[in-house]
Amino acid sequence: MAYILQVDFTHTGPFGEEMATAFANLARSINEEKGFMWKIWTENKETNQAGGIYVFETKEDAEGYLDMHLKRLSGFGIENANAKVFGINEGLSQITHSPIK
C-alpha cells in the first residue's frame, strides 16, 4: 500500500514562478528520497501557506522523510508545520483516476 504525506506551514514567499525557480534544486533532491513516488507542491499566497502532498511506497518511508523534512524546515525557521500520514485506499482511488496502481 502506498502512503500520502500531507504537509503545510506558514510561508511568506516566494510563490508561483519565483517559488519554482527558488526551490528547483530542492525538488530535484526529493526525487532521491527512499520510497518517494511523487509530490504535488501547494501554495496559497493569500493565506501565506505552502506545503505539499507526497506519495511514498511505505508508511516507514513517509515517516522517515517527514522526520528529516521537519528538521530541514526548522533550519529554515519554520516551526509550525502541520503533517499527517495517510494510507491510500487504492481501489476507490483508481475509480477516481488516481495514478496509484
N, C-alpha and C. Protein backbone atom coordinates (compact mmCIF):
# COMPACT_ATOMS: atom_id res chain seq x y z
N MET A 1 0.84 -1.18 0.00
CA MET A 1 0.00 0.00 0.00
C MET A 1 0.88 1.24 0.00
N ALA A 2 0.56 2.21 -0.82
CA ALA A 2 1.25 3.49 -0.84
C ALA A 2 0.68 4.39 0.26
N TYR A 3 1.47 5.39 0.66
CA TYR A 3 1.07 6.31 1.72
C TYR A 3 1.24 7.75 1.28
N ILE A 4 0.27 8.57 1.69
CA ILE A 4 0.29 10.01 1.46
C ILE A 4 0.92 10.68 2.68
N LEU A 5 1.76 11.67 2.43
CA LEU A 5 2.24 12.58 3.47
C LEU A 5 1.74 13.95 3.09
N GLN A 6 0.96 14.56 3.97
CA GLN A 6 0.43 15.91 3.75
C GLN A 6 1.14 16.85 4.69
N VAL A 7 1.75 17.91 4.15
CA VAL A 7 2.48 18.88 4.97
C VAL A 7 2.06 20.28 4.54
N ASP A 8 1.82 21.16 5.54
CA ASP A 8 1.62 22.58 5.23
C ASP A 8 2.19 23.42 6.36
N PHE A 9 2.53 24.67 6.04
CA PHE A 9 3.18 25.55 7.01
C PHE A 9 3.05 26.98 6.53
N THR A 10 3.29 27.92 7.45
CA THR A 10 3.29 29.34 7.11
C THR A 10 4.47 29.63 6.19
N HIS A 11 4.18 30.35 5.12
CA HIS A 11 5.21 30.66 4.12
C HIS A 11 4.86 32.02 3.52
N THR A 12 5.78 32.96 3.62
CA THR A 12 5.51 34.31 3.12
C THR A 12 6.08 34.57 1.74
N GLY A 13 6.55 33.54 1.08
CA GLY A 13 7.04 33.68 -0.27
C GLY A 13 8.45 33.15 -0.39
N PRO A 14 8.86 32.98 -1.60
CA PRO A 14 8.21 33.33 -2.86
C PRO A 14 7.09 32.36 -3.22
N PHE A 15 6.30 32.78 -4.21
CA PHE A 15 5.21 31.96 -4.74
C PHE A 15 5.31 31.90 -6.27
N GLY A 16 4.53 31.02 -6.85
CA GLY A 16 4.45 30.93 -8.30
C GLY A 16 5.77 30.60 -8.96
N GLU A 17 6.06 31.29 -10.05
CA GLU A 17 7.29 31.04 -10.81
C GLU A 17 8.54 31.31 -9.98
N GLU A 18 8.48 32.33 -9.12
CA GLU A 18 9.64 32.61 -8.27
C GLU A 18 9.91 31.44 -7.32
N MET A 19 8.84 30.84 -6.80
CA MET A 19 9.00 29.67 -5.93
C MET A 19 9.58 28.50 -6.72
N ALA A 20 9.08 28.30 -7.93
CA ALA A 20 9.57 27.20 -8.77
C ALA A 20 11.07 27.35 -9.04
N THR A 21 11.50 28.55 -9.29
CA THR A 21 12.92 28.79 -9.53
C THR A 21 13.74 28.61 -8.25
N ALA A 22 13.25 29.18 -7.16
CA ALA A 22 13.99 29.15 -5.90
C ALA A 22 14.16 27.73 -5.35
N PHE A 23 13.16 26.87 -5.56
CA PHE A 23 13.18 25.55 -4.95
C PHE A 23 13.41 24.41 -5.95
N ALA A 24 13.87 24.72 -7.14
CA ALA A 24 14.08 23.68 -8.16
C ALA A 24 15.09 22.63 -7.70
N ASN A 25 16.18 23.05 -7.08
CA ASN A 25 17.18 22.07 -6.62
C ASN A 25 16.62 21.22 -5.49
N LEU A 26 15.84 21.82 -4.60
CA LEU A 26 15.19 21.05 -3.54
C LEU A 26 14.25 20.01 -4.15
N ALA A 27 13.48 20.42 -5.15
CA ALA A 27 12.56 19.49 -5.81
C ALA A 27 13.32 18.32 -6.41
N ARG A 28 14.44 18.59 -7.05
CA ARG A 28 15.24 17.50 -7.63
C ARG A 28 15.76 16.55 -6.56
N SER A 29 16.15 17.11 -5.41
CA SER A 29 16.70 16.27 -4.34
C SER A 29 15.63 15.36 -3.74
N ILE A 30 14.40 15.79 -3.71
CA ILE A 30 13.32 14.98 -3.16
C ILE A 30 13.15 13.70 -3.98
N ASN A 31 13.42 13.78 -5.27
CA ASN A 31 13.32 12.59 -6.12
C ASN A 31 14.22 11.46 -5.66
N GLU A 32 15.24 11.76 -4.89
CA GLU A 32 16.22 10.76 -4.44
C GLU A 32 15.85 10.12 -3.11
N GLU A 33 14.78 10.58 -2.48
CA GLU A 33 14.42 10.08 -1.15
C GLU A 33 13.90 8.64 -1.24
N LYS A 34 14.21 7.86 -0.21
CA LYS A 34 13.82 6.45 -0.15
C LYS A 34 12.29 6.32 -0.25
N GLY A 35 11.84 5.51 -1.20
CA GLY A 35 10.43 5.21 -1.35
C GLY A 35 9.59 6.32 -1.95
N PHE A 36 10.20 7.44 -2.33
CA PHE A 36 9.45 8.57 -2.89
C PHE A 36 8.87 8.21 -4.25
N MET A 37 7.60 8.55 -4.46
CA MET A 37 6.95 8.31 -5.75
C MET A 37 6.65 9.62 -6.48
N TRP A 38 5.96 10.55 -5.81
CA TRP A 38 5.69 11.86 -6.41
C TRP A 38 5.22 12.86 -5.38
N LYS A 39 5.22 14.12 -5.78
CA LYS A 39 4.79 15.22 -4.90
C LYS A 39 4.02 16.24 -5.71
N ILE A 40 2.98 16.77 -5.10
CA ILE A 40 2.30 17.96 -5.61
C ILE A 40 2.64 19.09 -4.64
N TRP A 41 3.20 20.16 -5.17
CA TRP A 41 3.57 21.32 -4.36
C TRP A 41 2.33 22.21 -4.20
N THR A 42 2.08 22.67 -2.97
CA THR A 42 0.91 23.51 -2.71
C THR A 42 1.35 24.89 -2.26
N GLU A 43 0.54 25.89 -2.59
CA GLU A 43 0.82 27.25 -2.16
C GLU A 43 -0.48 28.05 -2.12
N ASN A 44 -0.54 29.00 -1.19
CA ASN A 44 -1.67 29.92 -1.10
C ASN A 44 -1.12 31.26 -0.66
N LYS A 45 -0.90 32.13 -1.63
CA LYS A 45 -0.31 33.45 -1.36
C LYS A 45 -1.20 34.28 -0.45
N GLU A 46 -2.52 34.15 -0.60
CA GLU A 46 -3.46 34.95 0.18
C GLU A 46 -3.41 34.61 1.67
N THR A 47 -3.15 33.35 2.01
CA THR A 47 -3.11 32.95 3.42
C THR A 47 -1.69 32.68 3.91
N ASN A 48 -0.70 32.95 3.05
CA ASN A 48 0.71 32.73 3.40
C ASN A 48 0.95 31.30 3.87
N GLN A 49 0.58 30.35 3.01
CA GLN A 49 0.80 28.94 3.31
C GLN A 49 1.42 28.25 2.10
N ALA A 50 2.19 27.22 2.41
CA ALA A 50 2.77 26.37 1.36
C ALA A 50 2.94 24.98 1.96
N GLY A 51 3.27 24.05 1.10
CA GLY A 51 3.49 22.68 1.56
C GLY A 51 3.45 21.72 0.40
N GLY A 52 2.95 20.52 0.67
CA GLY A 52 2.88 19.54 -0.40
C GLY A 52 2.13 18.29 0.00
N ILE A 53 1.77 17.57 -1.03
CA ILE A 53 1.17 16.24 -0.90
C ILE A 53 2.17 15.29 -1.55
N TYR A 54 2.70 14.37 -0.76
CA TYR A 54 3.71 13.42 -1.22
C TYR A 54 3.10 12.02 -1.24
N VAL A 55 3.64 11.17 -2.09
CA VAL A 55 3.29 9.76 -2.05
C VAL A 55 4.58 8.95 -1.91
N PHE A 56 4.57 8.04 -0.94
CA PHE A 56 5.69 7.15 -0.67
C PHE A 56 5.24 5.70 -0.77
N GLU A 57 6.16 4.82 -1.03
CA GLU A 57 5.86 3.39 -1.18
C GLU A 57 5.39 2.76 0.12
N THR A 58 5.96 3.19 1.26
CA THR A 58 5.60 2.59 2.55
C THR A 58 5.37 3.67 3.60
N LYS A 59 4.68 3.29 4.66
CA LYS A 59 4.47 4.19 5.79
C LYS A 59 5.82 4.58 6.41
N GLU A 60 6.73 3.63 6.51
CA GLU A 60 8.05 3.90 7.09
C GLU A 60 8.81 4.92 6.26
N ASP A 61 8.71 4.83 4.94
CA ASP A 61 9.38 5.81 4.07
C ASP A 61 8.79 7.21 4.28
N ALA A 62 7.46 7.30 4.37
CA ALA A 62 6.79 8.59 4.59
C ALA A 62 7.20 9.18 5.93
N GLU A 63 7.20 8.36 6.97
CA GLU A 63 7.55 8.84 8.30
C GLU A 63 9.03 9.21 8.38
N GLY A 64 9.89 8.46 7.71
CA GLY A 64 11.31 8.80 7.69
C GLY A 64 11.56 10.13 6.99
N TYR A 65 10.89 10.33 5.86
CA TYR A 65 11.03 11.60 5.16
C TYR A 65 10.50 12.74 6.02
N LEU A 66 9.34 12.52 6.66
CA LEU A 66 8.75 13.57 7.49
C LEU A 66 9.71 13.99 8.59
N ASP A 67 10.33 13.06 9.26
CA ASP A 67 11.28 13.38 10.33
C ASP A 67 12.40 14.28 9.80
N MET A 68 12.99 13.89 8.67
CA MET A 68 14.05 14.69 8.07
C MET A 68 13.53 16.06 7.63
N HIS A 69 12.34 16.08 7.03
CA HIS A 69 11.78 17.32 6.49
C HIS A 69 11.46 18.32 7.59
N LEU A 70 10.92 17.84 8.71
CA LEU A 70 10.63 18.75 9.82
C LEU A 70 11.91 19.38 10.35
N LYS A 71 12.99 18.63 10.39
CA LYS A 71 14.29 19.18 10.81
C LYS A 71 14.77 20.22 9.80
N ARG A 72 14.60 19.93 8.51
CA ARG A 72 15.01 20.88 7.47
C ARG A 72 14.19 22.16 7.59
N LEU A 73 12.87 22.02 7.74
CA LEU A 73 12.01 23.20 7.88
C LEU A 73 12.42 24.02 9.10
N SER A 74 12.74 23.35 10.20
CA SER A 74 13.19 24.05 11.40
C SER A 74 14.45 24.85 11.11
N GLY A 75 15.34 24.30 10.30
CA GLY A 75 16.55 25.01 9.90
C GLY A 75 16.24 26.25 9.08
N PHE A 76 15.09 26.26 8.41
CA PHE A 76 14.64 27.42 7.65
C PHE A 76 13.86 28.40 8.54
N GLY A 77 13.72 28.07 9.83
CA GLY A 77 12.96 28.92 10.75
C GLY A 77 11.47 28.61 10.79
N ILE A 78 11.06 27.51 10.19
CA ILE A 78 9.65 27.12 10.16
C ILE A 78 9.41 26.09 11.26
N GLU A 79 8.65 26.49 12.27
CA GLU A 79 8.40 25.62 13.42
C GLU A 79 6.93 25.20 13.52
N ASN A 80 6.08 25.70 12.65
CA ASN A 80 4.64 25.48 12.78
C ASN A 80 4.08 24.53 11.73
N ALA A 81 4.88 23.61 11.25
CA ALA A 81 4.41 22.72 10.18
C ALA A 81 3.37 21.75 10.71
N ASN A 82 2.33 21.56 9.91
CA ASN A 82 1.32 20.54 10.17
C ASN A 82 1.62 19.37 9.24
N ALA A 83 1.53 18.16 9.76
CA ALA A 83 1.81 16.99 8.92
C ALA A 83 0.96 15.81 9.34
N LYS A 84 0.53 15.04 8.32
CA LYS A 84 -0.26 13.84 8.56
C LYS A 84 0.15 12.79 7.54
N VAL A 85 0.12 11.53 7.96
CA VAL A 85 0.38 10.40 7.08
C VAL A 85 -0.91 9.61 6.96
N PHE A 86 -1.28 9.27 5.72
CA PHE A 86 -2.49 8.51 5.44
C PHE A 86 -2.17 7.33 4.54
N GLY A 87 -2.81 6.20 4.78
CA GLY A 87 -2.80 5.11 3.82
C GLY A 87 -3.72 5.47 2.67
N ILE A 88 -3.46 4.89 1.49
CA ILE A 88 -4.28 5.16 0.31
C ILE A 88 -5.18 3.95 0.05
N ASN A 89 -6.48 4.21 -0.07
CA ASN A 89 -7.40 3.16 -0.48
C ASN A 89 -7.29 3.09 -2.00
N GLU A 90 -6.52 2.14 -2.48
CA GLU A 90 -6.19 2.07 -3.90
C GLU A 90 -7.41 1.75 -4.76
N GLY A 91 -8.31 0.90 -4.28
CA GLY A 91 -9.49 0.56 -5.07
C GLY A 91 -10.36 1.77 -5.37
N LEU A 92 -10.69 2.53 -4.35
CA LEU A 92 -11.50 3.73 -4.56
C LEU A 92 -10.73 4.79 -5.33
N SER A 93 -9.44 4.90 -5.04
CA SER A 93 -8.62 5.91 -5.73
C SER A 93 -8.51 5.64 -7.22
N GLN A 94 -8.49 4.37 -7.62
CA GLN A 94 -8.46 4.06 -9.04
C GLN A 94 -9.75 4.48 -9.73
N ILE A 95 -10.88 4.33 -9.05
CA ILE A 95 -12.16 4.77 -9.62
C ILE A 95 -12.12 6.27 -9.89
N THR A 96 -11.46 7.01 -9.03
CA THR A 96 -11.41 8.47 -9.18
C THR A 96 -10.12 8.95 -9.86
N HIS A 97 -9.54 8.09 -10.71
CA HIS A 97 -8.45 8.43 -11.63
C HIS A 97 -7.09 8.66 -10.96
N SER A 98 -6.83 8.05 -9.81
CA SER A 98 -5.52 8.15 -9.18
C SER A 98 -4.45 7.51 -10.05
N PRO A 99 -3.26 8.08 -10.06
CA PRO A 99 -2.16 7.43 -10.78
C PRO A 99 -1.57 6.25 -10.00
N ILE A 100 -2.02 6.05 -8.77
CA ILE A 100 -1.53 4.94 -7.95
C ILE A 100 -2.20 3.67 -8.39
N LYS A 101 -1.44 2.68 -8.81
CA LYS A 101 -1.98 1.40 -9.30
C LYS A 101 -1.52 0.28 -8.40
